[in-house]
Protein backbone atom coordinates (compact mmCIF):
# COMPACT_ATOMS: atom_id res chain seq x y z
CA MET A 1 22.54 -12.64 27.86
CA LEU A 2 19.35 -11.68 25.96
CA SER A 3 16.43 -9.89 27.55
CA LEU A 4 13.25 -8.62 25.97
CA ARG A 5 11.13 -5.93 27.55
CA PRO A 6 8.34 -3.53 26.62
CA ALA A 7 9.57 -0.07 25.67
CA THR A 8 8.92 2.79 28.02
CA LEU A 9 8.66 6.55 27.46
CA GLN A 10 12.34 6.83 28.36
CA ASP A 11 13.18 4.58 25.36
CA VAL A 12 11.87 7.07 22.77
CA PRO A 13 15.34 8.38 21.79
CA LEU A 14 16.55 4.77 21.47
CA ILE A 15 13.54 3.81 19.35
CA LEU A 16 14.19 6.73 17.00
CA SER A 17 17.82 5.72 16.78
CA PHE A 18 16.81 2.18 15.80
CA ILE A 19 14.39 3.58 13.18
CA ARG A 20 17.16 5.71 11.66
CA GLU A 21 19.63 2.81 11.68
CA LEU A 22 17.02 0.62 9.94
CA ALA A 23 16.44 3.30 7.29
CA GLU A 24 20.18 3.40 6.63
CA TYR A 25 20.29 -0.38 6.31
CA GLU A 26 17.34 -0.25 3.93
CA ARG A 27 19.19 2.32 1.76
CA GLU A 28 16.82 5.18 2.65
CA PRO A 29 18.80 7.21 5.19
CA ASN A 30 16.95 10.48 4.44
CA ALA A 31 13.46 8.98 4.44
CA VAL A 32 12.85 9.21 8.22
CA HIS A 33 10.71 12.24 9.13
CA CYS A 34 9.57 10.86 12.46
CA SER A 35 10.49 12.80 15.59
CA GLU A 36 10.75 11.91 19.26
CA ASP A 37 7.59 13.96 19.80
CA ASP A 38 5.76 11.82 17.22
CA LEU A 39 6.85 8.62 18.95
CA ARG A 40 5.88 9.96 22.39
CA ARG A 41 2.44 11.03 21.18
CA ASP A 42 1.64 7.95 19.14
CA GLY A 43 3.27 5.23 21.21
CA PHE A 44 3.01 6.42 24.79
CA GLY A 45 0.01 8.76 24.91
CA PRO A 46 -3.54 8.01 26.06
CA ASN A 47 -4.37 6.03 22.88
CA PRO A 48 -1.18 4.22 21.75
CA LYS A 49 -0.98 3.47 18.02
CA PHE A 50 1.94 1.02 18.35
CA ARG A 51 3.95 -1.02 20.81
CA VAL A 52 7.67 -1.75 20.93
CA THR A 53 9.63 -4.62 22.38
CA ILE A 54 13.26 -3.78 23.10
CA ALA A 55 15.94 -6.46 22.90
CA GLU A 56 19.03 -6.06 25.09
CA TRP A 57 22.17 -8.17 24.86
CA ASN A 58 24.25 -8.09 28.05
CA SER A 59 22.23 -5.00 29.08
CA LYS A 60 23.14 -3.16 25.82
CA PRO A 61 20.37 -2.08 23.42
CA ALA A 62 20.52 -4.52 20.52
CA GLY A 63 17.25 -4.26 18.61
CA MET A 64 13.51 -3.82 18.60
CA ALA A 65 10.22 -4.92 17.18
CA LEU A 66 7.72 -2.15 16.55
CA PHE A 67 4.19 -3.45 15.92
CA PHE A 68 0.51 -2.68 16.02
CA TYR A 69 -2.87 -4.38 15.42
CA ASN A 70 -4.57 -4.84 12.12
CA TYR A 71 -7.94 -6.53 11.75
CA SER A 72 -9.12 -9.41 9.60
CA THR A 73 -12.77 -9.18 8.65
CA TRP A 74 -12.55 -12.75 7.35
CA GLN A 75 -11.13 -14.11 10.60
CA GLY A 76 -13.16 -11.77 12.80
CA ARG A 77 -10.20 -10.93 14.99
CA PRO A 78 -7.06 -8.85 15.12
CA GLY A 79 -3.64 -9.67 13.86
CA ILE A 80 -0.28 -8.18 14.63
CA TYR A 81 1.43 -6.12 11.93
CA LEU A 82 5.19 -5.97 12.40
CA GLU A 83 6.26 -2.55 11.07
CA ASP A 84 9.94 -2.74 12.02
CA LEU A 85 12.17 -5.59 13.10
CA PHE A 86 15.69 -4.37 13.63
CA VAL A 87 18.83 -5.78 15.19
CA ARG A 88 22.04 -3.74 15.24
CA SER A 89 24.74 -5.26 13.06
CA GLU A 90 27.11 -6.00 15.93
CA PHE A 91 24.45 -8.12 17.61
CA ARG A 92 23.27 -10.11 14.58
CA LYS A 93 23.72 -13.88 14.48
CA ASN A 94 22.89 -14.17 18.21
CA GLY A 95 19.26 -15.22 17.69
CA ILE A 96 17.86 -11.84 18.66
CA GLY A 97 15.62 -11.40 15.59
CA LYS A 98 14.34 -14.92 16.00
CA SER A 99 13.66 -14.27 19.72
CA LEU A 100 11.76 -11.09 18.88
CA LEU A 101 9.60 -12.93 16.35
CA ILE A 102 8.94 -15.78 18.78
CA HIS A 103 7.95 -13.19 21.39
CA LEU A 104 5.52 -11.64 18.89
CA ALA A 105 4.08 -15.07 18.02
CA ARG A 106 3.45 -15.71 21.68
CA THR A 107 1.93 -12.24 22.06
CA ALA A 108 -0.35 -12.94 19.08
CA LEU A 109 -1.55 -16.23 20.56
CA ALA A 110 -2.02 -14.73 24.05
CA GLU A 111 -4.07 -11.89 22.58
CA ASN A 112 -6.19 -14.18 20.34
CA CYS A 113 -4.72 -12.80 17.10
CA TYR A 114 -5.05 -14.69 13.83
CA GLY A 115 -1.35 -14.25 13.05
CA LEU A 116 1.56 -11.95 12.23
CA ARG A 117 2.08 -9.99 9.06
CA TRP A 118 4.99 -7.92 7.78
CA GLU A 119 6.72 -6.79 4.58
CA VAL A 120 10.23 -7.47 3.39
CA LEU A 121 12.19 -5.61 0.70
CA ASN A 122 12.51 -7.60 -2.50
CA TRP A 123 16.32 -7.29 -2.51
CA ASN A 124 16.79 -8.50 1.07
CA GLU A 125 17.45 -12.17 0.32
CA SER A 126 19.00 -12.89 3.75
CA ALA A 127 15.86 -11.58 5.50
CA MET A 128 13.58 -13.62 3.24
CA GLU A 129 15.63 -16.74 3.92
CA PHE A 130 15.53 -16.05 7.65
CA TYR A 131 11.74 -15.56 7.62
CA ARG A 132 11.18 -18.70 5.56
CA SER A 133 13.33 -20.71 7.99
CA LEU A 134 10.77 -19.80 10.70
CA GLY A 135 7.87 -21.08 8.59
CA SER A 136 6.59 -17.85 7.08
CA GLY A 137 5.73 -17.37 3.45
CA PHE A 138 4.52 -14.80 0.96
CA ARG A 139 0.83 -14.15 0.44
CA GLU A 140 0.17 -15.51 -3.00
CA ASN A 141 -1.71 -13.30 -5.44
CA TRP A 142 -1.44 -10.22 -3.26
CA LYS A 143 0.57 -7.03 -3.79
CA VAL A 144 0.87 -4.21 -1.29
CA MET A 145 -0.74 -0.93 -2.40
CA GLN A 146 -0.06 2.47 -0.95
CA ILE A 147 -0.96 6.10 -1.53
CA THR A 148 0.92 8.91 0.21
CA GLY A 149 1.96 12.55 -0.17
CA GLU A 150 0.46 14.64 -2.90
CA GLU A 151 -1.50 11.72 -4.37
CA LEU A 152 -3.16 11.16 -0.99
CA LYS A 153 -4.08 14.85 -0.81
CA GLN A 154 -5.48 14.74 -4.36
CA MET A 155 -7.57 11.68 -3.56
CA ALA A 156 -8.97 13.35 -0.42
CA ARG A 157 -10.02 16.41 -2.44
CA ARG A 158 -12.02 14.38 -4.92
CA GLY A 159 -15.76 14.88 -4.65
């Protein structure tokens, strides 16, 4: 019933559809500025910046995991950063999200990664409960920082 496979160039429209559906679920439907051209360039060009695993349920596209490497200077090896884990609502409760995470855990071990890392929205209690049930936990004493947009441009202009 469930199959997982690496995304191909032909999956770019599907990947963008998943990204938009995830943004809607996360209450940010107008926040996606990514295009198919961006995904083609950055995921399937000569120097891919990310990878995607597609989940299919009875040959129907059900979800994806979009991920890339980060690097731990303390561990001296890469890790996998899970940017997006998404399962379409009609396919939830079939173990697809869990299967995608298990697949990523196996990928991390096979590629000598120190572990997996991702973020979860503070209001998404069901996701936090799901992740905890798999053995994950929050990094104590750490908060995620970010600079984007005009603030990023201002920082870059500083001398």
